[in-house]
């Protein structure tokens, strides 16, 4: 956002809206005390600067979010890999246990 300029009063200007027929709705920086014999400071607000700053800021946020998303995807893939390895390990343990269970059942039954 545009930084409020300082002027003769050495007080930050305020952002105002023009109500003249020629510039209706345009924004400008004006003296905070213009109604009470202020210094008369006036400067048009540069809307284009604000738009470009906003776009640049949003692009930086998008970049940060994309990096965070990539990190999260990597962590999820790694966790999924760990789960799949554990599943294979448990499946192997199950296969080892099944014959023994049947063997012990047969021994006890005889």
N, C-alpha and C. Protein backbone atom coordinates (compact mmCIF):
# COMPACT_ATOMS: atom_id res chain seq x y z
N UNK A 1 0.83 -1.17 0.00
CA UNK A 1 0.00 0.00 0.00
C UNK A 1 0.88 1.23 0.00
N UNK A 2 0.40 2.33 -0.59
CA UNK A 2 1.18 3.55 -0.61
C UNK A 2 1.37 4.07 0.81
N UNK A 3 2.58 4.53 1.08
CA UNK A 3 2.91 5.10 2.38
C UNK A 3 2.37 6.52 2.41
N UNK A 4 1.70 6.90 3.48
CA UNK A 4 1.18 8.25 3.60
C UNK A 4 2.34 9.24 3.64
N UNK A 5 2.31 10.25 2.76
CA UNK A 5 3.41 11.22 2.75
C UNK A 5 3.31 12.18 3.93
N UNK A 6 4.46 12.72 4.29
CA UNK A 6 4.50 13.79 5.29
C UNK A 6 4.53 15.11 4.53
N UNK A 7 4.08 16.17 5.15
CA UNK A 7 4.06 17.44 4.45
C UNK A 7 4.38 18.55 5.42
N UNK A 8 4.07 19.78 5.06
CA UNK A 8 4.47 20.96 5.85
C UNK A 8 4.11 20.85 7.32
N UNK A 9 2.95 20.29 7.62
CA UNK A 9 2.52 20.15 9.03
C UNK A 9 3.35 19.09 9.77
N UNK A 10 4.11 18.29 9.03
CA UNK A 10 4.88 17.17 9.56
C UNK A 10 3.98 16.12 10.22
N UNK A 11 2.81 15.96 9.66
CA UNK A 11 1.85 14.97 10.10
C UNK A 11 1.51 14.15 8.87
N UNK A 12 1.26 12.86 9.04
CA UNK A 12 0.91 12.03 7.89
C UNK A 12 -0.38 12.52 7.25
N UNK A 13 -0.39 12.48 5.93
CA UNK A 13 -1.59 12.85 5.19
C UNK A 13 -2.64 11.76 5.36
N UNK A 14 -3.88 12.10 5.05
CA UNK A 14 -4.94 11.10 5.07
C UNK A 14 -5.38 10.86 3.63
N UNK A 15 -5.87 9.66 3.39
CA UNK A 15 -6.35 9.29 2.06
C UNK A 15 -7.80 9.72 1.94
N UNK A 16 -8.08 10.55 0.95
CA UNK A 16 -9.42 11.11 0.77
C UNK A 16 -9.96 10.72 -0.60
N UNK A 17 -11.24 10.89 -0.77
CA UNK A 17 -11.89 10.69 -2.07
C UNK A 17 -12.35 12.03 -2.60
N UNK A 18 -12.09 12.26 -3.88
CA UNK A 18 -12.52 13.50 -4.51
C UNK A 18 -14.01 13.44 -4.78
N UNK A 19 -14.66 14.59 -4.61
CA UNK A 19 -16.09 14.69 -4.87
C UNK A 19 -16.38 15.73 -5.95
N UNK A 20 -15.34 16.14 -6.67
CA UNK A 20 -15.54 17.10 -7.76
C UNK A 20 -16.10 16.37 -8.97
N UNK A 21 -16.77 17.10 -9.83
CA UNK A 21 -17.35 16.50 -11.04
C UNK A 21 -16.26 15.93 -11.94
N UNK A 22 -15.14 16.64 -12.03
CA UNK A 22 -14.06 16.23 -12.94
C UNK A 22 -13.31 14.98 -12.46
N UNK A 23 -13.14 14.84 -11.16
CA UNK A 23 -12.33 13.73 -10.60
C UNK A 23 -13.11 12.93 -9.56
N UNK A 24 -14.40 12.81 -9.75
CA UNK A 24 -15.23 12.14 -8.74
C UNK A 24 -14.75 10.71 -8.47
N UNK A 25 -14.53 10.40 -7.19
CA UNK A 25 -14.13 9.06 -6.78
C UNK A 25 -12.62 8.82 -6.80
N UNK A 26 -11.85 9.74 -7.37
CA UNK A 26 -10.40 9.59 -7.38
C UNK A 26 -9.89 9.78 -5.95
N UNK A 27 -8.84 9.08 -5.62
CA UNK A 27 -8.28 9.20 -4.28
C UNK A 27 -7.07 10.13 -4.30
N UNK A 28 -6.89 10.82 -3.19
CA UNK A 28 -5.75 11.72 -3.06
C UNK A 28 -5.33 11.80 -1.61
N UNK A 29 -4.06 12.16 -1.42
CA UNK A 29 -3.55 12.43 -0.10
C UNK A 29 -3.84 13.89 0.21
N UNK A 30 -4.34 14.16 1.39
CA UNK A 30 -4.63 15.53 1.77
C UNK A 30 -4.22 15.80 3.20
N UNK A 31 -4.10 17.09 3.50
CA UNK A 31 -3.74 17.51 4.86
C UNK A 31 -4.82 17.05 5.82
N UNK A 32 -4.39 16.45 6.90
CA UNK A 32 -5.31 15.95 7.93
C UNK A 32 -6.15 17.09 8.52
N UNK A 33 -5.61 18.29 8.48
CA UNK A 33 -6.28 19.45 9.11
C UNK A 33 -6.82 20.42 8.06
N UNK A 34 -7.17 19.92 6.87
CA UNK A 34 -7.57 20.83 5.80
C UNK A 34 -8.81 21.65 6.15
N UNK A 35 -9.69 21.13 6.97
CA UNK A 35 -10.89 21.88 7.36
C UNK A 35 -10.57 22.94 8.41
N UNK A 36 -9.49 22.74 9.16
CA UNK A 36 -9.12 23.67 10.23
C UNK A 36 -7.87 24.45 9.86
N UNK A 37 -7.87 25.09 8.74
CA UNK A 37 -6.73 25.89 8.26
C UNK A 37 -5.44 25.08 8.21
N UNK A 38 -5.51 23.89 7.61
CA UNK A 38 -4.33 23.06 7.45
C UNK A 38 -3.37 23.68 6.45
N UNK A 39 -2.33 22.97 6.14
CA UNK A 39 -1.29 23.50 5.25
C UNK A 39 -1.69 23.45 3.78
N UNK A 40 -2.79 22.77 3.47
CA UNK A 40 -3.24 22.72 2.08
C UNK A 40 -2.56 21.66 1.25
N UNK A 41 -1.86 20.72 1.88
CA UNK A 41 -1.15 19.67 1.13
C UNK A 41 -2.14 18.86 0.29
N UNK A 42 -1.73 18.54 -0.94
CA UNK A 42 -2.54 17.73 -1.85
C UNK A 42 -1.60 16.94 -2.76
N UNK A 43 -1.88 15.65 -2.94
CA UNK A 43 -1.11 14.82 -3.87
C UNK A 43 -2.01 13.67 -4.30
N UNK A 44 -2.11 13.46 -5.61
CA UNK A 44 -2.93 12.35 -6.09
C UNK A 44 -2.36 11.04 -5.60
N UNK A 45 -3.22 10.13 -5.25
CA UNK A 45 -2.83 8.78 -4.83
C UNK A 45 -2.53 7.98 -6.08
N UNK A 46 -1.38 7.31 -6.11
CA UNK A 46 -0.98 6.53 -7.28
C UNK A 46 -1.52 5.12 -7.14
N UNK A 47 -2.68 4.89 -7.69
CA UNK A 47 -3.36 3.60 -7.60
C UNK A 47 -2.58 2.49 -8.28
N UNK A 48 -1.87 2.81 -9.37
CA UNK A 48 -1.11 1.79 -10.10
C UNK A 48 -0.01 1.20 -9.22
N UNK A 49 0.68 2.03 -8.45
CA UNK A 49 1.72 1.53 -7.55
C UNK A 49 1.12 0.53 -6.57
N UNK A 50 -0.05 0.86 -6.05
CA UNK A 50 -0.69 -0.03 -5.08
C UNK A 50 -1.05 -1.37 -5.73
N UNK A 51 -1.56 -1.32 -6.96
CA UNK A 51 -1.94 -2.55 -7.65
C UNK A 51 -0.72 -3.43 -7.87
N UNK A 52 0.38 -2.85 -8.36
CA UNK A 52 1.58 -3.64 -8.62
C UNK A 52 2.17 -4.20 -7.33
N UNK A 53 2.16 -3.41 -6.26
CA UNK A 53 2.65 -3.92 -4.98
C UNK A 53 1.79 -5.08 -4.51
N UNK A 54 0.50 -4.93 -4.66
CA UNK A 54 -0.43 -5.97 -4.25
C UNK A 54 -0.20 -7.25 -5.05
N UNK A 55 -0.05 -7.12 -6.36
CA UNK A 55 0.19 -8.28 -7.22
C UNK A 55 1.51 -8.94 -6.84
N UNK A 56 2.56 -8.15 -6.66
CA UNK A 56 3.86 -8.70 -6.29
C UNK A 56 3.77 -9.43 -4.95
N UNK A 57 3.07 -8.83 -4.00
CA UNK A 57 2.91 -9.45 -2.68
C UNK A 57 2.14 -10.76 -2.80
N UNK A 58 1.09 -10.77 -3.61
CA UNK A 58 0.31 -11.99 -3.78
C UNK A 58 1.11 -13.07 -4.48
N UNK A 59 1.94 -12.69 -5.45
CA UNK A 59 2.79 -13.68 -6.11
C UNK A 59 3.80 -14.28 -5.14
N UNK A 60 4.33 -13.46 -4.24
CA UNK A 60 5.26 -13.98 -3.24
C UNK A 60 4.54 -14.95 -2.31
N UNK A 61 3.32 -14.62 -1.91
CA UNK A 61 2.55 -15.52 -1.05
C UNK A 61 2.25 -16.83 -1.77
N UNK A 62 1.93 -16.73 -3.06
CA UNK A 62 1.67 -17.94 -3.85
C UNK A 62 2.93 -18.80 -3.90
N UNK A 63 4.09 -18.18 -4.09
CA UNK A 63 5.35 -18.92 -4.10
C UNK A 63 5.60 -19.62 -2.77
N UNK A 64 5.35 -18.91 -1.68
CA UNK A 64 5.53 -19.50 -0.34
C UNK A 64 4.56 -20.66 -0.13
N UNK A 65 3.32 -20.47 -0.55
CA UNK A 65 2.32 -21.54 -0.40
C UNK A 65 2.67 -22.74 -1.28
N UNK A 66 3.20 -22.49 -2.49
CA UNK A 66 3.58 -23.58 -3.38
C UNK A 66 4.72 -24.38 -2.75
N UNK A 67 5.70 -23.68 -2.16
CA UNK A 67 6.81 -24.36 -1.50
C UNK A 67 6.30 -25.19 -0.32
N UNK A 68 5.39 -24.63 0.46
CA UNK A 68 4.83 -25.37 1.60
C UNK A 68 4.04 -26.58 1.10
N UNK A 69 3.32 -26.42 0.01
CA UNK A 69 2.57 -27.54 -0.57
C UNK A 69 3.51 -28.63 -1.05
N UNK A 70 4.60 -28.24 -1.72
CA UNK A 70 5.59 -29.22 -2.18
C UNK A 70 6.20 -29.97 -1.01
N UNK A 71 6.52 -29.25 0.08
CA UNK A 71 7.06 -29.90 1.28
C UNK A 71 6.06 -30.90 1.86
N UNK A 72 4.80 -30.50 1.90
CA UNK A 72 3.75 -31.37 2.45
C UNK A 72 3.57 -32.61 1.57
N UNK A 73 3.60 -32.42 0.26
CA UNK A 73 3.50 -33.57 -0.65
C UNK A 73 4.65 -34.54 -0.42
N UNK A 74 5.86 -34.01 -0.26
CA UNK A 74 7.03 -34.86 -0.02
C UNK A 74 6.85 -35.63 1.29
N UNK A 75 6.41 -34.95 2.34
CA UNK A 75 6.21 -35.60 3.64
C UNK A 75 5.14 -36.69 3.54
N UNK A 76 4.06 -36.40 2.81
CA UNK A 76 2.99 -37.40 2.66
C UNK A 76 3.46 -38.61 1.87
N UNK A 77 4.24 -38.37 0.80
CA UNK A 77 4.78 -39.50 0.02
C UNK A 77 5.69 -40.35 0.88
N UNK A 78 6.52 -39.70 1.68
CA UNK A 78 7.43 -40.41 2.57
C UNK A 78 6.65 -41.22 3.60
N UNK A 79 5.61 -40.61 4.18
CA UNK A 79 4.79 -41.33 5.16
C UNK A 79 4.06 -42.50 4.50
N UNK A 80 3.57 -42.31 3.29
CA UNK A 80 2.90 -43.39 2.56
C UNK A 80 3.87 -44.53 2.28
N UNK A 81 5.09 -44.20 1.90
CA UNK A 81 6.13 -45.21 1.70
C UNK A 81 6.36 -46.02 2.97
N UNK A 82 6.48 -45.31 4.10
CA UNK A 82 6.69 -45.98 5.39
C UNK A 82 5.52 -46.92 5.71
N UNK A 83 4.30 -46.46 5.45
CA UNK A 83 3.12 -47.28 5.72
C UNK A 83 3.12 -48.52 4.83
N UNK A 84 3.46 -48.34 3.54
CA UNK A 84 3.48 -49.49 2.64
C UNK A 84 4.55 -50.50 3.04
N UNK A 85 5.71 -50.01 3.47
CA UNK A 85 6.76 -50.92 3.94
C UNK A 85 6.32 -51.66 5.19
N UNK A 86 5.68 -50.95 6.11
CA UNK A 86 5.20 -51.57 7.34
C UNK A 86 4.13 -52.61 7.03
N UNK A 87 3.26 -52.30 6.05
CA UNK A 87 2.22 -53.24 5.64
C UNK A 87 2.83 -54.53 5.10
N UNK A 88 3.88 -54.39 4.26
CA UNK A 88 4.56 -55.58 3.72
C UNK A 88 5.21 -56.38 4.85
N UNK A 89 5.81 -55.65 5.78
CA UNK A 89 6.47 -56.30 6.91
C UNK A 89 5.45 -57.08 7.75
N UNK A 90 4.30 -56.46 8.03
CA UNK A 90 3.26 -57.13 8.81
C UNK A 90 2.66 -58.30 8.05
N UNK A 91 2.52 -58.16 6.75
CA UNK A 91 1.99 -59.25 5.94
C UNK A 91 2.94 -60.45 5.99
N UNK A 92 4.25 -60.16 5.94
CA UNK A 92 5.25 -61.22 6.05
C UNK A 92 5.20 -61.90 7.41
N UNK A 93 5.00 -61.10 8.46
CA UNK A 93 4.90 -61.67 9.80
C UNK A 93 3.64 -62.54 9.92
N UNK A 94 2.58 -62.10 9.29
CA UNK A 94 1.34 -62.88 9.31
C UNK A 94 1.55 -64.23 8.64
N UNK A 95 2.26 -64.22 7.51
CA UNK A 95 2.53 -65.46 6.79
C UNK A 95 3.38 -66.40 7.63
N UNK A 96 4.33 -65.81 8.39
CA UNK A 96 5.17 -66.65 9.25
C UNK A 96 4.36 -67.25 10.39
N UNK A 97 3.42 -66.50 10.91
CA UNK A 97 2.64 -66.96 12.06
C UNK A 97 1.58 -67.99 11.68
N UNK A 98 1.02 -67.89 10.51
CA UNK A 98 -0.06 -68.80 10.14
C UNK A 98 0.35 -70.27 10.18
N UNK A 99 1.44 -70.70 9.56
CA UNK A 99 1.78 -72.11 9.63
C UNK A 99 2.03 -72.58 11.06
N UNK A 100 2.65 -71.79 11.87
CA UNK A 100 2.91 -72.17 13.25
C UNK A 100 1.61 -72.32 14.02
N UNK A 101 0.66 -71.46 13.77
CA UNK A 101 -0.62 -71.56 14.47
C UNK A 101 -1.29 -72.88 14.12
N UNK A 102 -1.27 -73.21 12.86
CA UNK A 102 -1.87 -74.46 12.43
C UNK A 102 -1.10 -75.63 13.05
N UNK A 103 0.24 -75.55 13.06
CA UNK A 103 1.07 -76.60 13.63
C UNK A 103 0.73 -76.78 15.11
N UNK A 104 0.67 -75.70 15.88
CA UNK A 104 0.37 -75.79 17.30
C UNK A 104 -1.05 -76.31 17.53
N UNK A 105 -1.97 -75.93 16.66
CA UNK A 105 -3.32 -76.45 16.77
C UNK A 105 -3.34 -77.96 16.58
N UNK A 106 -2.56 -78.45 15.61
CA UNK A 106 -2.50 -79.88 15.35
C UNK A 106 -1.83 -80.62 16.51
N UNK A 107 -0.79 -80.05 17.07
CA UNK A 107 -0.09 -80.68 18.19
C UNK A 107 -1.02 -80.78 19.39
N UNK A 108 -1.74 -79.70 19.67
CA UNK A 108 -2.64 -79.70 20.81
C UNK A 108 -3.80 -80.65 20.57
N UNK A 109 -4.28 -80.73 19.36
CA UNK A 109 -5.44 -81.57 19.06
C UNK A 109 -5.07 -83.05 19.11
N UNK A 110 -3.86 -83.43 18.84
CA UNK A 110 -3.46 -84.84 18.81
C UNK A 110 -3.28 -85.29 20.20
